[in-house]
Protein backbone atom coordinates (compact mmCIF):
# COMPACT_ATOMS: atom_id res chain seq x y z
CA MET A 1 -15.43 25.50 -9.50
CA ILE A 2 -13.46 22.93 -7.98
CA THR A 3 -9.45 23.50 -7.71
CA VAL A 4 -7.03 21.07 -6.59
CA ASN A 5 -3.52 21.74 -5.94
CA ILE A 6 -1.08 19.19 -7.45
CA LYS A 7 2.75 19.29 -6.97
CA SER A 8 4.07 17.69 -10.34
CA PHE A 9 2.92 18.13 -13.79
CA THR A 10 3.05 14.31 -14.37
CA SER A 11 0.43 13.85 -11.72
CA ALA A 12 -1.50 16.88 -13.07
CA GLN A 13 -1.73 15.42 -16.31
CA LYS A 14 -2.61 11.91 -14.88
CA ALA A 15 -5.39 13.41 -13.13
CA LEU A 16 -6.60 15.25 -16.04
CA LYS A 17 -6.82 12.50 -18.42
CA PHE A 18 -8.20 10.22 -15.85
CA LEU A 19 -11.16 12.54 -14.69
CA GLN A 20 -11.90 13.33 -18.49
CA ARG A 21 -12.19 9.68 -19.14
CA ASN A 22 -14.72 9.78 -16.41
CA GLY A 23 -16.64 12.63 -17.95
CA ILE A 24 -15.33 15.25 -15.68
CA ARG A 25 -14.27 18.37 -17.60
CA CYS A 26 -11.17 20.02 -16.43
CA ILE A 27 -8.00 21.89 -16.92
CA VAL A 28 -4.35 22.20 -15.70
CA GLU A 29 -3.06 25.33 -15.06
CA ARG A 30 0.44 26.58 -13.85
CA GLY A 31 0.18 27.55 -10.06
CA PHE A 32 2.15 29.93 -7.91
CA GLY A 33 1.52 29.89 -4.16
CA ASN A 34 2.45 30.05 -0.60
CA THR A 35 3.93 26.50 -1.00
CA GLY A 36 5.73 27.51 -4.15
CA CYS A 37 5.33 26.52 -7.67
CA GLY A 38 2.88 23.76 -8.56
CA PHE A 39 -0.04 23.02 -10.86
CA VAL A 40 -3.49 23.77 -10.27
CA LEU A 41 -6.38 21.26 -11.63
CA ARG A 42 -9.69 23.26 -12.29
CA VAL A 43 -12.63 21.08 -12.26
CA THR A 44 -14.76 23.03 -14.91
CA ASP A 45 -17.82 20.72 -14.77
CA LYS A 46 -20.53 22.13 -12.75
CA ASN A 47 -22.26 18.85 -11.99
CA ALA A 48 -18.88 17.41 -10.29
CA ASN A 49 -18.46 17.54 -6.47
CA LYS A 50 -15.54 17.47 -4.25
CA ALA A 51 -16.34 14.18 -2.91
CA GLU A 52 -16.35 12.48 -6.14
CA VAL A 53 -13.19 14.28 -7.72
CA CYS A 54 -11.41 13.15 -4.26
CA ALA A 55 -12.36 9.78 -4.64
CA LEU A 56 -11.65 9.57 -8.32
CA LEU A 57 -8.23 11.08 -7.54
CA SER A 58 -7.43 9.06 -4.63
CA SER A 59 -8.11 5.82 -6.48
CA ILE A 60 -5.03 6.70 -8.88
CA GLY A 61 -2.77 7.54 -6.16
CA VAL A 62 -3.02 11.60 -6.57
CA PRO A 63 -3.65 13.31 -3.17
CA CYS A 64 -6.80 15.64 -3.22
CA ASP A 65 -5.48 18.78 -1.89
CA ILE A 66 -8.23 21.16 -2.17
CA PRO A 67 -7.91 24.67 -0.65
């Protein structure tokens, strides 16, 4: 499963809706990590790959911070 760390709820929702419109299933969860509070976008689509997800996210200005 691909996870993407996103700092703001607004960006997480933007990414979620954009990926879903492009046929990639995902969910947003609250994340707590070493960098403080944030959100995690979990791509649940088994056919999606990191390069595809990062390319789509960068096209809408959402940084692709994949651990």
